[in-house]
Amino acid sequence: MKTFGIATLAVGIAIGLAPPAAASEDSYLAKVQDRLAYLSRDQLLTEAYKVCQVTLSGHASPVAIPMVTEDLAITVPAAVEIITAAVTEFGC
């Protein structure tokens, strides 16, 4: 019985730490990649995950605006677009 409880806990942790499905990444990229073509796929995804870390740590999404603008050297409207798409598509 103790082994079952440990296994259940391990599965729960693995699910909680699993990255979002590729479909979420694809739909996020579809929303931002055409308009922000000067940024690479990796830059866009990395920043989206950072946005999720900020929002999941209890901060409102606008708190991420300075981070995104500085990280990617982009305008505030472009940062808002990335943040909105990340929050929408990744559910964070």
PDB file of N, CA and C in Angstrom:
ATOM      1  N   MET A   1       0.824  -1.198   0.000  1.00  0.00           N
ATOM      2  CA  MET A   1       0.000   0.000   0.000  1.00  0.00           C
ATOM      3  C   MET A   1       0.864   1.256   0.000  1.00  0.00           C
ATOM      4  N   LYS A   2       1.952   1.219   0.758  1.00  0.00           N
ATOM      5  CA  LYS A   2       2.854   2.371   0.809  1.00  0.00           C
ATOM      6  C   LYS A   2       3.481   2.628  -0.559  1.00  0.00           C
ATOM      7  N   THR A   3       3.831   1.573  -1.286  1.00  0.00           N
ATOM      8  CA  THR A   3       4.426   1.692  -2.614  1.00  0.00           C
ATOM      9  C   THR A   3       3.436   2.331  -3.583  1.00  0.00           C
ATOM     10  N   PHE A   4       2.169   1.955  -3.477  1.00  0.00           N
ATOM     11  CA  PHE A   4       1.148   2.539  -4.346  1.00  0.00           C
ATOM     12  C   PHE A   4       1.037   4.039  -4.102  1.00  0.00           C
ATOM     13  N   GLY A   5       1.064   4.438  -2.853  1.00  0.00           N
ATOM     14  CA  GLY A   5       0.973   5.854  -2.517  1.00  0.00           C
ATOM     15  C   GLY A   5       2.156   6.636  -3.061  1.00  0.00           C
ATOM     16  N   ILE A   6       3.342   6.063  -2.969  1.00  0.00           N
ATOM     17  CA  ILE A   6       4.544   6.714  -3.493  1.00  0.00           C
ATOM     18  C   ILE A   6       4.469   6.807  -5.011  1.00  0.00           C
ATOM     19  N   ALA A   7       4.011   5.742  -5.649  1.00  0.00           N
ATOM     20  CA  ALA A   7       3.886   5.743  -7.108  1.00  0.00           C
ATOM     21  C   ALA A   7       2.866   6.775  -7.562  1.00  0.00           C
ATOM     22  N   THR A   8       1.762   6.881  -6.859  1.00  0.00           N
ATOM     23  CA  THR A   8       0.732   7.860  -7.195  1.00  0.00           C
ATOM     24  C   THR A   8       1.276   9.275  -7.042  1.00  0.00           C
ATOM     25  N   LEU A   9       2.011   9.508  -5.987  1.00  0.00           N
ATOM     26  CA  LEU A   9       2.625  10.818  -5.772  1.00  0.00           C
ATOM     27  C   LEU A   9       3.616  11.141  -6.887  1.00  0.00           C
ATOM     28  N   ALA A  10       4.418  10.167  -7.266  1.00  0.00           N
ATOM     29  CA  ALA A  10       5.408  10.377  -8.329  1.00  0.00           C
ATOM     30  C   ALA A  10       4.733  10.716  -9.650  1.00  0.00           C
ATOM     31  N   VAL A  11       3.645  10.019  -9.973  1.00  0.00           N
ATOM     32  CA  VAL A  11       2.915  10.294 -11.216  1.00  0.00           C
ATOM     33  C   VAL A  11       2.310  11.691 -11.160  1.00  0.00           C
ATOM     34  N   GLY A  12       1.754  12.057 -10.030  1.00  0.00           N
ATOM     35  CA  GLY A  12       1.179  13.389  -9.883  1.00  0.00           C
ATOM     36  C   GLY A  12       2.216  14.480 -10.073  1.00  0.00           C
ATOM     37  N   ILE A  13       3.384  14.274  -9.507  1.00  0.00           N
ATOM     38  CA  ILE A  13       4.466  15.249  -9.674  1.00  0.00           C
ATOM     39  C   ILE A  13       4.897  15.313 -11.129  1.00  0.00           C
ATOM     40  N   ALA A  14       5.026  14.163 -11.771  1.00  0.00           N
ATOM     41  CA  ALA A  14       5.447  14.131 -13.181  1.00  0.00           C
ATOM     42  C   ALA A  14       4.441  14.854 -14.067  1.00  0.00           C
ATOM     43  N   ILE A  15       3.169  14.663 -13.811  1.00  0.00           N
ATOM     44  CA  ILE A  15       2.144  15.342 -14.600  1.00  0.00           C
ATOM     45  C   ILE A  15       2.197  16.839 -14.340  1.00  0.00           C
ATOM     46  N   GLY A  16       2.379  17.214 -13.093  1.00  0.00           N
ATOM     47  CA  GLY A  16       2.434  18.631 -12.753  1.00  0.00           C
ATOM     48  C   GLY A  16       3.641  19.338 -13.336  1.00  0.00           C
ATOM     49  N   LEU A  17       4.731  18.613 -13.529  1.00  0.00           N
ATOM     50  CA  LEU A  17       5.947  19.209 -14.057  1.00  0.00           C
ATOM     51  C   LEU A  17       6.111  19.017 -15.557  1.00  0.00           C
ATOM     52  N   ALA A  18       5.210  18.282 -16.168  1.00  0.00           N
ATOM     53  CA  ALA A  18       5.319  18.012 -17.602  1.00  0.00           C
ATOM     54  C   ALA A  18       5.143  19.298 -18.391  1.00  0.00           C
ATOM     55  N   PRO A  19       5.910  19.455 -19.472  1.00  0.00           N
ATOM     56  CA  PRO A  19       5.739  20.645 -20.295  1.00  0.00           C
ATOM     57  C   PRO A  19       4.413  20.591 -21.036  1.00  0.00           C
ATOM     58  N   PRO A  20       3.899  21.746 -21.464  1.00  0.00           N
ATOM     59  CA  PRO A  20       2.651  21.751 -22.214  1.00  0.00           C
ATOM     60  C   PRO A  20       2.787  20.941 -23.502  1.00  0.00           C
ATOM     61  N   ALA A  21       1.675  20.475 -23.983  1.00  0.00           N
ATOM     62  CA  ALA A  21       1.675  19.677 -25.214  1.00  0.00           C
ATOM     63  C   ALA A  21       2.183  20.492 -26.393  1.00  0.00           C
ATOM     64  N   ALA A  22       2.737  19.791 -27.365  1.00  0.00           N
ATOM     65  CA  ALA A  22       3.261  20.458 -28.555  1.00  0.00           C
ATOM     66  C   ALA A  22       2.174  21.253 -29.274  1.00  0.00           C
ATOM     67  N   ALA A  23       0.942  20.802 -29.178  1.00  0.00           N
ATOM     68  CA  ALA A  23      -0.152  21.527 -29.821  1.00  0.00           C
ATOM     69  C   ALA A  23      -0.259  22.934 -29.253  1.00  0.00           C
ATOM     70  N   SER A  24      -0.046  23.098 -27.951  1.00  0.00           N
ATOM     71  CA  SER A  24      -0.068  24.429 -27.351  1.00  0.00           C
ATOM     72  C   SER A  24       1.062  25.287 -27.896  1.00  0.00           C
ATOM     73  N   GLU A  25       2.242  24.695 -28.035  1.00  0.00           N
ATOM     74  CA  GLU A  25       3.369  25.430 -28.609  1.00  0.00           C
ATOM     75  C   GLU A  25       3.056  25.849 -30.035  1.00  0.00           C
ATOM     76  N   ASP A  26       2.499  24.943 -30.806  1.00  0.00           N
ATOM     77  CA  ASP A  26       2.175  25.250 -32.198  1.00  0.00           C
ATOM     78  C   ASP A  26       1.138  26.357 -32.301  1.00  0.00           C
ATOM     79  N   SER A  27       0.102  26.307 -31.474  1.00  0.00           N
ATOM     80  CA  SER A  27      -0.926  27.341 -31.550  1.00  0.00           C
ATOM     81  C   SER A  27      -0.392  28.683 -31.049  1.00  0.00           C
ATOM     82  N   TYR A  28       0.480  28.645 -30.036  1.00  0.00           N
ATOM     83  CA  TYR A  28       1.118  29.885 -29.570  1.00  0.00           C
ATOM     84  C   TYR A  28       1.963  30.490 -30.685  1.00  0.00           C
ATOM     85  N   LEU A  29       2.796  29.670 -31.303  1.00  0.00           N
ATOM     86  CA  LEU A  29       3.661  30.160 -32.376  1.00  0.00           C
ATOM     87  C   LEU A  29       2.846  30.674 -33.558  1.00  0.00           C
ATOM     88  N   ALA A  30       1.732  30.018 -33.850  1.00  0.00           N
ATOM     89  CA  ALA A  30       0.879  30.469 -34.950  1.00  0.00           C
ATOM     90  C   ALA A  30       0.350  31.880 -34.684  1.00  0.00           C
ATOM     91  N   LYS A  31       0.141  32.213 -33.421  1.00  0.00           N
ATOM     92  CA  LYS A  31      -0.378  33.539 -33.080  1.00  0.00           C
ATOM     93  C   LYS A  31       0.686  34.627 -33.150  1.00  0.00           C
ATOM     94  N   VAL A  32       1.936  34.279 -32.882  1.00  0.00           N
ATOM     95  CA  VAL A  32       2.948  35.337 -32.763  1.00  0.00           C
ATOM     96  C   VAL A  32       4.054  35.307 -33.814  1.00  0.00           C
ATOM     97  N   GLN A  33       4.310  34.163 -34.396  1.00  0.00           N
ATOM     98  CA  GLN A  33       5.497  34.034 -35.238  1.00  0.00           C
ATOM     99  C   GLN A  33       5.435  34.869 -36.518  1.00  0.00           C
ATOM    100  N   ASP A  34       4.290  34.971 -37.140  1.00  0.00           N
ATOM    101  CA  ASP A  34       4.201  35.746 -38.381  1.00  0.00           C
ATOM    102  C   ASP A  34       4.440  37.239 -38.133  1.00  0.00           C
ATOM    103  N   ARG A  35       3.830  37.757 -37.074  1.00  0.00           N
ATOM    104  CA  ARG A  35       3.964  39.195 -36.786  1.00  0.00           C
ATOM    105  C   ARG A  35       5.320  39.537 -36.178  1.00  0.00           C
ATOM    106  N   LEU A  36       5.951  38.571 -35.554  1.00  0.00           N
ATOM    107  CA  LEU A  36       7.248  38.805 -34.915  1.00  0.00           C
ATOM    108  C   LEU A  36       8.305  37.915 -35.560  1.00  0.00           C
ATOM    109  N   ALA A  37       8.338  37.924 -36.874  1.00  0.00           N
ATOM    110  CA  ALA A  37       9.202  37.031 -37.646  1.00  0.00           C
ATOM    111  C   ALA A  37      10.690  37.257 -37.382  1.00  0.00           C
ATOM    112  N   TYR A  38      11.041  38.411 -36.856  1.00  0.00           N
ATOM    113  CA  TYR A  38      12.447  38.697 -36.564  1.00  0.00           C
ATOM    114  C   TYR A  38      12.940  37.974 -35.313  1.00  0.00           C
ATOM    115  N   LEU A  39      12.025  37.341 -34.574  1.00  0.00           N
ATOM    116  CA  LEU A  39      12.393  36.536 -33.407  1.00  0.00           C
ATOM    117  C   LEU A  39      12.334  35.065 -33.778  1.00  0.00           C
ATOM    118  N   SER A  40      13.266  34.297 -33.258  1.00  0.00           N
ATOM    119  CA  SER A  40      13.302  32.865 -33.574  1.00  0.00           C
ATOM    120  C   SER A  40      12.237  32.115 -32.779  1.00  0.00           C
ATOM    121  N   ARG A  41      11.966  30.933 -33.237  1.00  0.00           N
ATOM    122  CA  ARG A  41      11.027  30.039 -32.550  1.00  0.00           C
ATOM    123  C   ARG A  41      11.477  29.827 -31.107  1.00  0.00           C
ATOM    124  N   ASP A  42      12.774  29.583 -30.921  1.00  0.00           N
ATOM    125  CA  ASP A  42      13.304  29.343 -29.580  1.00  0.00           C
ATOM    126  C   ASP A  42      13.164  30.572 -28.686  1.00  0.00           C
ATOM    127  N   GLN A  43      13.409  31.758 -29.231  1.00  0.00           N
ATOM    128  CA  GLN A  43      13.246  32.979 -28.444  1.00  0.00           C
ATOM    129  C   GLN A  43      11.797  33.138 -27.991  1.00  0.00           C
ATOM    130  N   LEU A  44      10.881  32.913 -28.909  1.00  0.00           N
ATOM    131  CA  LEU A  44       9.462  33.069 -28.590  1.00  0.00           C
ATOM    132  C   LEU A  44       8.999  32.054 -27.545  1.00  0.00           C
ATOM    133  N   LEU A  45       9.426  30.811 -27.699  1.00  0.00           N
ATOM    134  CA  LEU A  45       9.018  29.783 -26.735  1.00  0.00           C
ATOM    135  C   LEU A  45       9.662  30.001 -25.374  1.00  0.00           C
ATOM    136  N   THR A  46      10.931  30.336 -25.362  1.00  0.00           N
ATOM    137  CA  THR A  46      11.613  30.583 -24.090  1.00  0.00           C
ATOM    138  C   THR A  46      10.929  31.707 -23.326  1.00  0.00           C
ATOM    139  N   GLU A  47      10.592  32.763 -24.037  1.00  0.00           N
ATOM    140  CA  GLU A  47       9.950  33.895 -23.378  1.00  0.00           C
ATOM    141  C   GLU A  47       8.547  33.538 -22.898  1.00  0.00           C
ATOM    142  N   ALA A  48       7.831  32.738 -23.663  1.00  0.00           N
ATOM    143  CA  ALA A  48       6.493  32.311 -23.239  1.00  0.00           C
ATOM    144  C   ALA A  48       6.564  31.520 -21.940  1.00  0.00           C
ATOM    145  N   TYR A  49       7.529  30.629 -21.830  1.00  0.00           N
ATOM    146  CA  TYR A  49       7.685  29.854 -20.597  1.00  0.00           C
ATOM    147  C   TYR A  49       8.082  30.749 -19.429  1.00  0.00           C
ATOM    148  N   LYS A  50       8.879  31.780 -19.688  1.00  0.00           N
ATOM    149  CA  LYS A  50       9.239  32.725 -18.630  1.00  0.00           C
ATOM    150  C   LYS A  50       8.007  33.511 -18.179  1.00  0.00           C
ATOM    151  N   VAL A  51       7.174  33.878 -19.128  1.00  0.00           N
ATOM    152  CA  VAL A  51       5.929  34.574 -18.794  1.00  0.00           C
ATOM    153  C   VAL A  51       5.075  33.685 -17.898  1.00  0.00           C
ATOM    154  N   CYS A  52       4.980  32.430 -18.243  1.00  0.00           N
ATOM    155  CA  CYS A  52       4.198  31.498 -17.422  1.00  0.00           C
ATOM    156  C   CYS A  52       4.778  31.378 -16.016  1.00  0.00           C
ATOM    157  N   GLN A  53       6.097  31.348 -15.899  1.00  0.00           N
ATOM    158  CA  GLN A  53       6.710  31.289 -14.569  1.00  0.00           C
ATOM    159  C   GLN A  53       6.310  32.505 -13.733  1.00  0.00           C
ATOM    160  N   VAL A  54       6.293  33.668 -14.361  1.00  0.00           N
ATOM    161  CA  VAL A  54       5.918  34.896 -13.651  1.00  0.00           C
ATOM    162  C   VAL A  54       4.465  34.828 -13.202  1.00  0.00           C
ATOM    163  N   THR A  55       3.573  34.460 -14.119  1.00  0.00           N
ATOM    164  CA  THR A  55       2.146  34.458 -13.779  1.00  0.00           C
ATOM    165  C   THR A  55       1.798  33.338 -12.803  1.00  0.00           C
ATOM    166  N   LEU A  56       2.443  32.188 -12.950  1.00  0.00           N
ATOM    167  CA  LEU A  56       2.150  31.080 -12.035  1.00  0.00           C
ATOM    168  C   LEU A  56       2.737  31.307 -10.648  1.00  0.00           C
ATOM    169  N   SER A  57       3.660  32.245 -10.532  1.00  0.00           N
ATOM    170  CA  SER A  57       4.208  32.566  -9.209  1.00  0.00           C
ATOM    171  C   SER A  57       3.346  33.606  -8.485  1.00  0.00           C
ATOM    172  N   GLY A  58       2.227  33.965  -9.098  1.00  0.00           N
ATOM    173  CA  GLY A  58       1.264  34.830  -8.434  1.00  0.00           C
ATOM    174  C   GLY A  58       1.233  36.271  -8.900  1.00  0.00           C
ATOM    175  N   HIS A  59       2.034  36.608  -9.886  1.00  0.00           N
ATOM    176  CA  HIS A  59       2.052  37.982 -10.388  1.00  0.00           C
ATOM    177  C   HIS A  59       1.067  38.124 -11.546  1.00  0.00           C
ATOM    178  N   ALA A  60       0.544  39.318 -11.699  1.00  0.00           N
ATOM    179  CA  ALA A  60      -0.327  39.607 -12.838  1.00  0.00           C
ATOM    180  C   ALA A  60       0.523  39.653 -14.105  1.00  0.00           C
ATOM    181  N   SER A  61      -0.067  39.292 -15.224  1.00  0.00           N
ATOM    182  CA  SER A  61       0.694  39.226 -16.471  1.00  0.00           C
ATOM    183  C   SER A  61       1.366  40.537 -16.873  1.00  0.00           C
ATOM    184  N   PRO A  62       0.796  41.723 -16.586  1.00  0.00           N
ATOM    185  CA  PRO A  62       1.501  42.957 -16.957  1.00  0.00           C
ATOM    186  C   PRO A  62       2.875  43.115 -16.290  1.00  0.00           C
ATOM    187  N   VAL A  63       3.096  42.438 -15.191  1.00  0.00           N
ATOM    188  CA  VAL A  63       4.398  42.486 -14.524  1.00  0.00           C
ATOM    189  C   VAL A  63       5.495  41.967 -15.454  1.00  0.00           C
ATOM    190  N   ALA A  64       5.127  41.110 -16.395  1.00  0.00           N
ATOM    191  CA  ALA A  64       6.105  40.516 -17.312  1.00  0.00           C
ATOM    192  C   ALA A  64       6.506  41.447 -18.448  1.00  0.00           C
ATOM    193  N   ILE A  65       5.808  42.550 -18.634  1.00  0.00           N
ATOM    194  CA  ILE A  65       6.098  43.432 -19.771  1.00  0.00           C
ATOM    195  C   ILE A  65       7.548  43.917 -19.776  1.00  0.00           C
ATOM    196  N   PRO A  66       8.070  44.477 -18.684  1.00  0.00           N
ATOM    197  CA  PRO A  66       9.465  44.921 -18.723  1.00  0.00           C
ATOM    198  C   PRO A  66      10.448  43.781 -18.988  1.00  0.00           C
ATOM    199  N   MET A  67      10.171  42.621 -18.430  1.00  0.00           N
ATOM    200  CA  MET A  67      11.045  41.466 -18.644  1.00  0.00           C
ATOM    201  C   MET A  67      11.108  41.108 -20.124  1.00  0.00           C
ATOM    202  N   VAL A  68       9.956  41.020 -20.764  1.00  0.00           N
ATOM    203  CA  VAL A  68       9.895  40.619 -22.170  1.00  0.00           C
ATOM    204  C   VAL A  68      10.533  41.679 -23.062  1.00  0.00           C
ATOM    205  N   THR A  69      10.246  42.949 -22.803  1.00  0.00           N
ATOM    206  CA  THR A  69      10.828  44.000 -23.637  1.00  0.00           C
ATOM    207  C   THR A  69      12.351  44.017 -23.530  1.00  0.00           C
ATOM    208  N   GLU A  70      12.861  43.802 -22.324  1.00  0.00           N
ATOM    209  CA  GLU A  70      14.322  43.787 -22.132  1.00  0.00           C
ATOM    210  C   GLU A  70      14.964  42.519 -22.700  1.00  0.00           C
ATOM    211  N   ASP A  71      14.360  41.376 -22.430  1.00  0.00           N
ATOM    212  CA  ASP A  71      14.928  40.104 -22.899  1.00  0.00           C
ATOM    213  C   ASP A  71      15.048  40.056 -24.416  1.00  0.00           C
ATOM    214  N   LEU A  72      14.027  40.560 -25.097  1.00  0.00           N
ATOM    215  CA  LEU A  72      13.973  40.419 -26.553  1.00  0.00           C
ATOM    216  C   LEU A  72      14.241  41.732 -27.299  1.00  0.00           C
ATOM    217  N   ALA A  73      14.457  42.810 -26.558  1.00  0.00           N
ATOM    218  CA  ALA A  73      14.688  44.125 -27.162  1.00  0.00           C
ATOM    219  C   ALA A  73      13.574  44.478 -28.151  1.00  0.00           C
ATOM    220  N   ILE A  74      12.336  44.419 -27.631  1.00  0.00           N
ATOM    221  CA  ILE A  74      11.159  44.674 -28.460  1.00  0.00           C
ATOM    222  C   ILE A  74      10.316  45.770 -27.825  1.00  0.00           C
ATOM    223  N   THR A  75       9.317  46.226 -28.550  1.00  0.00           N
ATOM    224  CA  THR A  75       8.412  47.265 -28.074  1.00  0.00           C
ATOM    225  C   THR A  75       7.399  46.689 -27.080  1.00  0.00           C
ATOM    226  N   VAL A  76       6.763  47.573 -26.362  1.00  0.00           N
ATOM    227  CA  VAL A  76       5.728  47.153 -25.416  1.00  0.00           C
ATOM    228  C   VAL A  76       4.563  46.450 -26.135  1.00  0.00           C
ATOM    229  N   PRO A  77       4.051  46.971 -27.269  1.00  0.00           N
ATOM    230  CA  PRO A  77       2.966  46.248 -27.942  1.00  0.00           C
ATOM    231  C   PRO A  77       3.366  44.822 -28.361  1.00  0.00           C
ATOM    232  N   ALA A  78       4.599  44.639 -28.812  1.00  0.00           N
ATOM    233  CA  ALA A  78       5.051  43.294 -29.183  1.00  0.00           C
ATOM    234  C   ALA A  78       5.140  42.402 -27.944  1.00  0.00           C
ATOM    235  N   ALA A  79       5.602  42.968 -26.837  1.00  0.00           N
ATOM    236  CA  ALA A  79       5.679  42.201 -25.587  1.00  0.00           C
ATOM    237  C   ALA A  79       4.289  41.790 -25.115  1.00  0.00           C
ATOM    238  N   VAL A  80       3.342  42.714 -25.215  1.00  0.00           N
ATOM    239  CA  VAL A  80       1.961  42.401 -24.816  1.00  0.00           C
ATOM    240  C   VAL A  80       1.401  41.283 -25.689  1.00  0.00           C
ATOM    241  N   GLU A  81       1.712  41.308 -26.952  1.00  0.00           N
ATOM    242  CA  GLU A  81       1.257  40.244 -27.856  1.00  0.00           C
ATOM    243  C   GLU A  81       1.808  38.882 -27.416  1.00  0.00           C
ATOM    244  N   ILE A  82       3.080  38.828 -27.084  1.00  0.00           N
ATOM    245  CA  ILE A  82       3.705  37.579 -26.627  1.00  0.00           C
ATOM    246  C   ILE A  82       3.074  37.125 -25.317  1.00  0.00           C
ATOM    247  N   ILE A  83       2.902  38.045 -24.395  1.00  0.00           N
ATOM    248  CA  ILE A  83       2.335  37.700 -23.087  1.00  0.00           C
ATOM    249  C   ILE A  83       0.905  37.199 -23.228  1.00  0.00           C
ATOM    250  N   THR A  84       0.107  37.903 -24.007  1.00  0.00           N
ATOM    251  CA  THR A  84      -1.289  37.498 -24.198  1.00  0.00           C
ATOM    252  C   THR A  84      -1.383  36.113 -24.824  1.00  0.00           C
ATOM    253  N   ALA A  85      -0.591  35.873 -25.839  1.00  0.00           N
ATOM    254  CA  ALA A  85      -0.613  34.558 -26.504  1.00  0.00           C
ATOM    255  C   ALA A  85      -0.132  33.467 -25.556  1.00  0.00           C
ATOM    256  N   ALA A  86       0.897  33.739 -24.768  1.00  0.00           N
ATOM    257  CA  ALA A  86       1.417  32.735 -23.831  1.00  0.00           C
ATOM    258  C   ALA A  86       0.370  32.376 -22.787  1.00  0.00           C
ATOM    259  N   VAL A  87      -0.243  33.399 -22.195  1.00  0.00           N
ATOM    260  CA  VAL A  87      -1.249  33.156 -21.168  1.00  0.00           C
ATOM    261  C   VAL A  87      -2.439  32.408 -21.740  1.00  0.00           C
ATOM    262  N   THR A  88      -2.849  32.777 -22.941  1.00  0.00           N
ATOM    263  CA  THR A  88      -4.003  32.142 -23.583  1.00  0.00           C
ATOM    264  C   THR A  88      -3.707  30.699 -23.991  1.00  0.00           C
ATOM    265  N   GLU A  89      -2.609  30.503 -24.681  1.00  0.00           N
ATOM    266  CA  GLU A  89      -2.326  29.176 -25.241  1.00  0.00           C
ATOM    267  C   GLU A  89      -1.766  28.165 -24.243  1.00  0.00           C
ATOM    268  N   PHE A  90      -1.021  28.650 -23.246  1.00  0.00           N
ATOM    269  CA  PHE A  90      -0.454  27.742 -22.256  1.00  0.00           C
ATOM    270  C   PHE A  90      -1.276  27.683 -20.972  1.00  0.00           C
ATOM    271  N   GLY A  91      -2.298  28.528 -20.896  1.00  0.00           N
ATOM    272  CA  GLY A  91      -3.175  28.499 -19.736  1.00  0.00           C
ATOM    273  C   GLY A  91      -2.501  28.893 -18.439  1.00  0.00           C
ATOM    274  N   CYS A  92      -1.540  29.784 -18.511  1.00  0.00           N
ATOM    275  CA  CYS A  92      -0.819  30.171 -17.289  1.00  0.00           C
ATOM    276  C   CYS A  92      -1.216  31.554 -16.827  1.00  0.00           C
TER     277      CYS A  92
END
